[in-house]
Amino acid sequence: MPQQDHAASRRSRLTDVLGIDVPVVLGPFGGVSSVALSAAVSDGGGLGSYGLYGYDGAAILKTAAQLRAATAKPFALNLWVPTGSETTELPRTEFDSYVRALQPYFEELGLELPDMPERFMADYGEQVEATLEAAPAVVSFVFGVPAPEIVEEAHRRGIKVAGTATTVEEALALEAGGVDAVVASGMESGGHRVSFLRPAEDSLVGTFSLVPQVADAVSIPVIAAGGIADRRGFAAALALGAEGVQVGTAFLATHESAAAPAYRELLHSPAAGNTVLTRALSGRLARGIPNRVISELAPPAIAPFPVQNWLTGRFRPTAAAAGNTDLMSLWAGQSARLIRHHSAADVLAELLAGA
């Protein structure tokens, strides 16, 4: 069936709300989003997403401009809502102890030990202001419900708002907060578990269970995420009541992504079939392929978020450039073994075959 027939057959409330042609959303990646991949998904009729974790206002505006230059289609920018649990201040002695725990990795890569920064993460208010100024078609949030004034201002500017839930209660909170669509993210998803009403360990609901419960509980469109990598997952998500899917790992493995070549190669290997939940690399629970950092680090050597994320972020880029997967974040979902394609267009085509 020609692609335009697939698109016509998959029109839904979600595609109408988001202004897209097919109900496929690119999962936003913190640190490995790329303009090329986001644009490719948008050009294919889906919603390309770009993760803004760590970006200041100037970087956000620059990225939005690059996305607009790369695609004339709608795209989404993604922000992390502060949960209130972030460690914003740390005694110098504690900081030094966490650095010592990571010292072997810095030495292995020939890097100097980092000094304590003025802050460990970007200013959320600045991020929101820049994102609204950038005016993407959609702004999506993880780790919470955006404040009412943010949702109102987004809507005033013609920006749609999406939120991410890992439980039915979170989905209801997001709907009450005025979002236009909710991503139901099952525990199979790669990367961070974005729970916010209960601890992540107490919110590990599988996609197959979560999606129909959320679809029954809310009146806004539901986007299924977690363990979806091919046409079968797409079809199953629709059968469960979702009006679209969000796919991360299968797109992360394409040549358009910003993942290092060694990372992409690993995603296409049998090793990607084994994933674990860990706090070792960021201080927050996340799903990825196990490596040496994950196997060697354990409490109390793991700093709280965002300190641990900042610290490992001082050596992870160097490790990625060197192809050293033992010292990288290798986020991946539980269906990575289903990955077959190396281009965003082929992943989209595979998913839409489930229509």
Protein backbone atom coordinates (compact mmCIF):
# COMPACT_ATOMS: atom_id res chain seq x y z
CA MET A 1 0.00 0.00 0.00
CA PRO A 2 1.46 3.44 -0.85
CA GLN A 3 2.54 5.58 2.08
CA GLN A 4 -0.22 8.15 1.48
CA ASP A 5 -2.82 5.38 1.87
CA HIS A 6 -1.27 4.41 5.19
CA ALA A 7 -1.47 8.04 6.28
CA ALA A 8 -5.08 8.36 5.21
CA SER A 9 -6.02 5.19 7.08
CA ARG A 10 -4.43 6.39 10.31
CA ARG A 11 -6.07 9.80 10.72
CA SER A 12 -7.30 10.14 14.29
CA ARG A 13 -7.98 12.64 17.04
CA LEU A 14 -4.27 12.52 17.82
CA THR A 15 -3.12 13.37 14.31
CA ASP A 16 -5.67 16.19 14.17
CA VAL A 17 -4.64 17.57 17.57
CA LEU A 18 -0.91 17.47 16.83
CA GLY A 19 -1.21 18.46 13.18
CA ILE A 20 0.61 15.39 11.87
CA ASP A 21 -0.16 12.86 9.16
CA VAL A 22 0.58 9.55 10.91
CA PRO A 23 0.30 8.76 14.64
CA VAL A 24 3.98 8.09 15.30
CA VAL A 25 5.95 10.23 17.76
CA LEU A 26 9.72 10.12 18.10
CA GLY A 27 10.77 9.58 21.69
CA PRO A 28 12.74 12.60 22.95
CA PHE A 29 16.31 11.74 23.94
CA GLY A 30 18.22 13.60 26.60
CA GLY A 31 21.73 14.08 25.24
CA VAL A 32 21.40 12.12 22.00
CA SER A 33 18.60 13.96 20.20
CA SER A 34 19.53 15.14 16.73
CA VAL A 35 18.06 17.66 14.31
CA ALA A 36 18.48 15.17 11.47
CA LEU A 37 16.45 12.43 13.17
CA SER A 38 13.73 14.76 14.43
CA ALA A 39 13.38 16.29 10.97
CA ALA A 40 13.32 12.87 9.30
CA VAL A 41 10.42 11.67 11.47
CA SER A 42 8.52 14.93 10.94
CA ASP A 43 9.12 14.81 7.18
CA GLY A 44 7.79 11.25 7.20
CA GLY A 45 4.50 12.49 8.60
CA GLY A 46 5.10 11.77 12.29
CA LEU A 47 6.09 14.08 15.12
CA GLY A 48 9.82 14.51 15.48
CA SER A 49 10.80 15.28 19.09
CA TYR A 50 13.93 16.85 20.53
CA GLY A 51 14.98 16.48 24.17
CA LEU A 52 16.20 19.71 25.79
CA TYR A 53 17.67 18.37 29.03
CA GLY A 54 20.70 20.48 29.97
CA TYR A 55 19.98 23.20 27.38
CA ASP A 56 19.93 26.89 28.34
CA GLY A 57 17.66 29.40 26.65
CA ALA A 58 20.10 30.33 23.90
CA ALA A 59 20.71 26.68 23.00
CA ILE A 60 16.96 26.03 22.87
CA LEU A 61 16.34 28.92 20.48
CA LYS A 62 19.26 27.84 18.30
CA THR A 63 18.02 24.24 18.19
CA ALA A 64 14.48 25.31 17.27
CA ALA A 65 15.89 27.43 14.45
CA GLN A 66 17.90 24.47 13.20
CA LEU A 67 14.82 22.25 13.28
CA ARG A 68 12.80 24.81 11.32
CA ALA A 69 15.56 25.01 8.74
CA ALA A 70 15.56 21.21 8.44
CA THR A 71 11.81 20.59 8.22
CA ALA A 72 8.67 22.53 7.43
CA LYS A 73 6.57 19.97 9.34
CA PRO A 74 5.49 20.07 13.02
CA PHE A 75 8.00 19.06 15.69
CA ALA A 76 8.02 18.82 19.49
CA LEU A 77 10.44 20.13 22.10
CA ASN A 78 10.67 18.21 25.38
CA LEU A 79 11.32 19.50 28.91
CA TRP A 80 11.86 17.87 32.32
CA VAL A 81 9.58 19.24 35.05
CA PRO A 82 11.40 19.72 38.38
CA THR A 83 10.02 17.22 40.88
CA GLY A 84 11.34 18.95 43.99
CA SER A 85 13.53 15.94 44.77
CA GLU A 86 16.54 17.28 42.88
CA THR A 87 19.71 17.88 44.88
CA THR A 88 20.60 21.48 44.10
CA GLU A 89 23.21 21.98 46.82
CA LEU A 90 25.85 19.59 48.12
CA PRO A 91 28.60 19.94 50.75
CA ARG A 92 32.02 20.02 49.14
CA THR A 93 33.13 16.96 51.10
CA GLU A 94 30.24 14.91 49.71
CA PHE A 95 30.92 16.11 46.19
CA ASP A 96 34.57 15.11 46.52
CA SER A 97 33.60 11.64 47.75
CA TYR A 98 31.40 11.07 44.68
CA VAL A 99 34.20 12.27 42.42
CA ARG A 100 36.60 9.79 44.02
CA ALA A 101 34.17 6.96 43.27
CA LEU A 102 34.37 7.88 39.58
CA GLN A 103 38.09 8.68 39.52
CA PRO A 104 39.15 5.44 37.77
CA TYR A 105 36.92 6.28 34.79
CA PHE A 106 38.33 9.79 34.44
CA GLU A 107 41.87 8.40 34.64
CA GLU A 108 41.13 5.67 32.09
CA LEU A 109 40.01 8.33 29.62
CA GLY A 110 42.87 10.69 30.42
CA LEU A 111 40.59 13.36 31.88
CA GLU A 112 41.14 15.67 34.83
CA LEU A 113 38.79 15.34 37.78
CA PRO A 114 35.97 17.89 37.59
CA ASP A 115 35.61 20.78 40.00
CA MET A 116 32.31 21.53 41.70
CA PRO A 117 30.08 23.64 39.42
CA GLU A 118 27.86 26.55 40.40
CA ARG A 119 24.82 24.49 39.39
CA PHE A 120 24.18 20.93 38.27
CA MET A 121 21.34 21.50 35.81
CA ALA A 122 19.82 24.17 33.59
CA ASP A 123 17.30 26.69 34.92
CA TYR A 124 13.80 25.35 34.26
CA GLY A 125 12.19 28.80 34.10
CA GLU A 126 14.67 29.89 31.46
CA GLN A 127 14.03 26.69 29.51
CA VAL A 128 10.27 27.20 29.58
CA GLU A 129 10.54 30.83 28.50
CA ALA A 130 12.80 29.96 25.57
CA THR A 131 10.67 26.98 24.52
CA LEU A 132 7.50 29.06 24.45
CA GLU A 133 9.34 31.75 22.50
CA ALA A 134 10.54 29.10 20.04
CA ALA A 135 6.87 28.12 19.56
CA PRO A 136 7.16 24.49 18.39
CA ALA A 137 3.96 22.77 17.31
CA VAL A 138 4.10 20.72 20.51
CA VAL A 139 5.88 21.03 23.83
CA SER A 140 6.05 17.79 25.79
CA PHE A 141 6.88 17.29 29.45
CA VAL A 142 8.22 14.43 31.55
CA PHE A 143 8.51 14.01 35.33
CA GLY A 144 5.39 15.99 36.16
CA VAL A 145 2.48 18.22 35.28
CA PRO A 146 3.47 21.61 33.84
CA ALA A 147 2.16 24.57 35.83
CA PRO A 148 -1.25 25.95 34.75
CA GLU A 149 0.27 29.24 33.59
CA ILE A 150 2.68 27.34 31.32
CA VAL A 151 -0.13 25.33 29.74
CA GLU A 152 -2.25 28.46 29.34
CA GLU A 153 0.56 30.42 27.72
CA ALA A 154 1.40 27.52 25.40
CA HIS A 155 -2.20 27.32 24.28
CA ARG A 156 -2.36 31.10 23.84
CA ARG A 157 0.57 30.80 21.45
CA GLY A 158 -1.04 27.93 19.56
CA ILE A 159 1.29 25.29 21.03
CA LYS A 160 -0.13 21.89 21.93
CA VAL A 161 0.96 20.31 25.22
CA ALA A 162 1.70 16.64 25.91
CA GLY A 163 2.61 14.98 29.20
CA THR A 164 3.99 11.57 30.12
CA ALA A 165 2.47 9.15 32.64
CA THR A 166 3.69 5.87 34.08
CA THR A 167 0.48 5.20 36.05
CA VAL A 168 -3.23 5.85 35.63
CA GLU A 169 -3.08 8.39 38.48
CA GLU A 170 -0.39 10.36 36.66
CA ALA A 171 -2.44 10.33 33.46
CA LEU A 172 -5.44 11.70 35.34
CA ALA A 173 -3.28 14.42 36.89
CA LEU A 174 -1.99 15.41 33.46
CA GLU A 175 -5.50 15.55 32.01
CA ALA A 176 -6.62 17.71 34.94
CA GLY A 177 -3.61 19.92 34.22
CA GLY A 178 -4.93 20.70 30.75
CA VAL A 179 -2.57 18.77 28.47
CA ASP A 180 -3.81 17.88 24.99
CA ALA A 181 -2.44 14.32 24.88
CA VAL A 182 -0.81 11.88 27.26
CA VAL A 183 2.00 9.41 26.64
CA ALA A 184 1.40 6.19 28.58
CA SER A 185 4.96 5.00 29.16
CA GLY A 186 5.29 1.36 30.15
CA MET A 187 8.19 0.01 32.16
CA GLU A 188 9.62 -1.53 28.97
CA SER A 189 10.68 1.93 27.78
CA GLY A 190 14.35 2.75 27.45
CA GLY A 191 15.89 5.64 29.33
CA HIS A 192 14.60 7.28 32.47
CA ARG A 193 11.47 6.17 34.24
CA VAL A 194 9.59 9.46 34.35
CA SER A 195 7.32 8.76 37.33
CA PHE A 196 6.30 11.68 39.52
CA LEU A 197 3.46 10.76 41.90
CA ARG A 198 5.19 7.74 43.42
CA PRO A 199 8.80 6.53 43.36
CA ALA A 200 9.82 5.02 40.03
CA GLU A 201 10.31 1.61 41.65
CA ASP A 202 6.64 1.69 42.71
CA SER A 203 5.39 2.73 39.27
CA LEU A 204 6.66 -0.09 37.08
CA VAL A 205 3.53 -0.89 35.06
CA GLY A 206 3.95 -2.71 31.75
CA THR A 207 2.71 -1.15 28.51
CA PHE A 208 0.19 -3.91 27.85
CA SER A 209 -1.45 -3.21 31.21
CA LEU A 210 -0.98 0.55 31.38
CA VAL A 211 -2.28 1.66 27.96
CA PRO A 212 -5.84 0.25 28.14
CA GLN A 213 -6.26 1.46 31.72
CA VAL A 214 -5.16 4.97 30.78
CA ALA A 215 -7.34 4.91 27.64
CA ASP A 216 -10.33 4.02 29.82
CA ALA A 217 -9.51 6.67 32.44
CA VAL A 218 -8.92 9.81 30.34
CA SER A 219 -10.77 11.53 27.53
CA ILE A 220 -7.71 12.97 25.75
CA PRO A 221 -5.75 11.03 23.12
CA VAL A 222 -3.35 8.40 24.48
CA ILE A 223 0.07 7.68 22.95
CA ALA A 224 1.50 4.25 23.82
CA ALA A 225 5.20 3.98 24.63
CA GLY A 226 7.46 1.17 25.78
CA GLY A 227 8.47 -1.98 23.93
CA ILE A 228 7.14 -0.81 20.55
CA ALA A 229 9.62 -1.38 17.73
CA ASP A 230 7.74 -2.87 14.78
CA ARG A 231 4.38 -3.22 13.05
CA ARG A 232 3.14 -5.70 15.65
CA GLY A 233 3.71 -3.27 18.49
CA PHE A 234 1.98 -0.51 16.52
CA ALA A 235 -1.07 -2.69 15.87
CA ALA A 236 -1.17 -3.89 19.48
CA ALA A 237 -1.06 -0.34 20.81
CA LEU A 238 -4.04 0.64 18.67
CA ALA A 239 -5.92 -2.47 19.78
CA LEU A 240 -5.31 -1.50 23.41
CA GLY A 241 -6.95 1.88 22.95
CA ALA A 242 -4.01 4.13 22.08
CA GLU A 243 -4.41 6.58 19.22
CA GLY A 244 -0.71 6.61 18.41
CA VAL A 245 2.69 5.35 19.48
CA GLN A 246 5.90 6.88 20.74
CA VAL A 247 9.02 5.00 19.66
CA GLY A 248 12.51 5.65 20.94
CA THR A 249 15.04 2.83 20.74
CA ALA A 250 14.28 1.74 17.15
CA PHE A 251 14.85 5.33 15.98
CA LEU A 252 17.91 5.74 18.20
CA ALA A 253 19.53 2.88 16.26
CA THR A 254 19.25 4.73 12.92
CA HIS A 255 22.06 6.59 11.20
CA GLU A 256 20.21 9.90 11.67
CA SER A 257 20.44 9.72 15.46
CA ALA A 258 23.14 11.37 17.54
CA ALA A 259 24.04 8.09 19.24
CA ALA A 260 27.72 7.21 18.85
CA PRO A 261 28.48 4.57 16.18
CA ALA A 262 29.51 2.05 18.84
CA TYR A 263 26.21 2.62 20.65
CA ARG A 264 24.16 2.13 17.47
CA GLU A 265 26.14 -1.01 16.66
CA LEU A 266 25.35 -2.37 20.11
CA LEU A 267 21.63 -1.67 19.61
CA HIS A 268 21.75 -3.87 16.50
CA SER A 269 23.48 -6.69 18.39
CA PRO A 270 22.15 -9.50 20.61
CA ALA A 271 23.57 -7.63 23.62
CA ALA A 272 20.69 -5.15 23.34
CA GLY A 273 18.30 -7.94 24.29
CA ASN A 274 19.38 -7.60 27.92
CA THR A 275 18.48 -4.38 29.72
CA VAL A 276 18.46 -3.42 33.39
CA LEU A 277 17.09 -0.63 35.56
CA THR A 278 19.86 1.40 37.17
CA ARG A 279 20.68 4.68 38.92
CA ALA A 280 24.41 4.36 38.34
CA LEU A 281 24.75 6.82 35.48
CA SER A 282 22.35 9.60 36.42
CA GLY A 283 21.10 9.12 39.96
CA ARG A 284 17.59 8.42 38.63
CA LEU A 285 16.15 5.08 37.65
CA ALA A 286 16.67 4.37 33.95
CA ARG A 287 16.64 1.35 31.63
CA GLY A 288 19.70 0.55 29.59
CA ILE A 289 22.13 -2.08 28.40
CA PRO A 290 24.40 -3.13 31.28
CA ASN A 291 28.06 -2.14 31.13
CA ARG A 292 31.01 -1.74 33.48
CA VAL A 293 29.82 1.46 35.13
CA ILE A 294 26.48 -0.15 35.97
CA SER A 295 28.11 -3.31 37.31
CA GLU A 296 30.73 -1.51 39.39
CA LEU A 297 28.81 1.39 40.93
CA ALA A 298 26.44 0.87 43.83
CA PRO A 299 25.15 2.96 46.74
CA PRO A 300 26.52 4.85 48.59
CA ALA A 301 28.94 5.65 45.76
CA ILE A 302 26.12 6.88 43.48
CA ALA A 303 25.34 10.57 43.92
CA PRO A 304 21.74 11.78 43.86
CA PHE A 305 20.22 13.31 40.73
CA PRO A 306 21.27 15.61 39.11
CA VAL A 307 24.73 15.42 40.66
CA GLN A 308 25.49 11.93 39.36
CA ASN A 309 24.20 12.85 35.92
CA TRP A 310 26.44 15.92 35.85
CA LEU A 311 29.47 13.98 37.05
CA THR A 312 29.21 11.11 34.58
CA GLY A 313 28.42 13.70 31.94
CA ARG A 314 32.01 14.93 32.33
CA PHE A 315 33.39 11.64 30.93
CA ARG A 316 30.56 10.09 28.89
CA PRO A 317 31.11 12.26 25.76
CA THR A 318 34.81 11.34 25.70
CA ALA A 319 33.94 7.67 26.10
CA ALA A 320 31.42 7.95 23.26
CA ALA A 321 33.98 9.58 20.98
CA ALA A 322 36.40 6.75 21.75
CA GLY A 323 33.75 4.05 21.22
CA ASN A 324 34.13 2.91 24.83
CA THR A 325 30.66 1.52 25.57
CA ASP A 326 31.71 0.48 29.08
CA LEU A 327 31.72 4.13 30.15
CA MET A 328 28.63 5.41 28.31
CA SER A 329 24.91 5.65 28.95
CA LEU A 330 23.39 2.92 26.78
CA TRP A 331 19.67 3.59 27.21
CA ALA A 332 17.51 1.02 25.45
CA GLY A 333 14.03 -0.43 25.73
CA GLN A 334 13.13 -4.07 26.15
CA SER A 335 12.28 -4.62 22.47
CA ALA A 336 15.68 -3.66 21.11
CA ARG A 337 16.13 -7.20 19.82
CA LEU A 338 13.37 -6.40 17.28
CA ILE A 339 15.41 -3.62 15.66
CA ARG A 340 16.00 -4.34 11.98
CA HIS A 341 16.39 -0.97 10.27
CA HIS A 342 19.10 1.66 9.93
CA SER A 343 17.12 4.65 8.65
CA ALA A 344 14.26 6.65 10.13
CA ALA A 345 12.21 6.23 6.93
CA ASP A 346 12.48 2.44 7.16
CA VAL A 347 11.48 2.43 10.85
CA LEU A 348 8.44 4.56 10.02
CA ALA A 349 7.49 2.29 7.13
CA GLU A 350 7.81 -0.77 9.36
CA LEU A 351 5.60 0.73 12.05
CA LEU A 352 2.94 1.93 9.60
CA ALA A 353 2.73 -1.54 8.09
CA GLY A 354 0.84 -2.36 11.30
CA ALA A 355 -2.00 -0.14 10.13
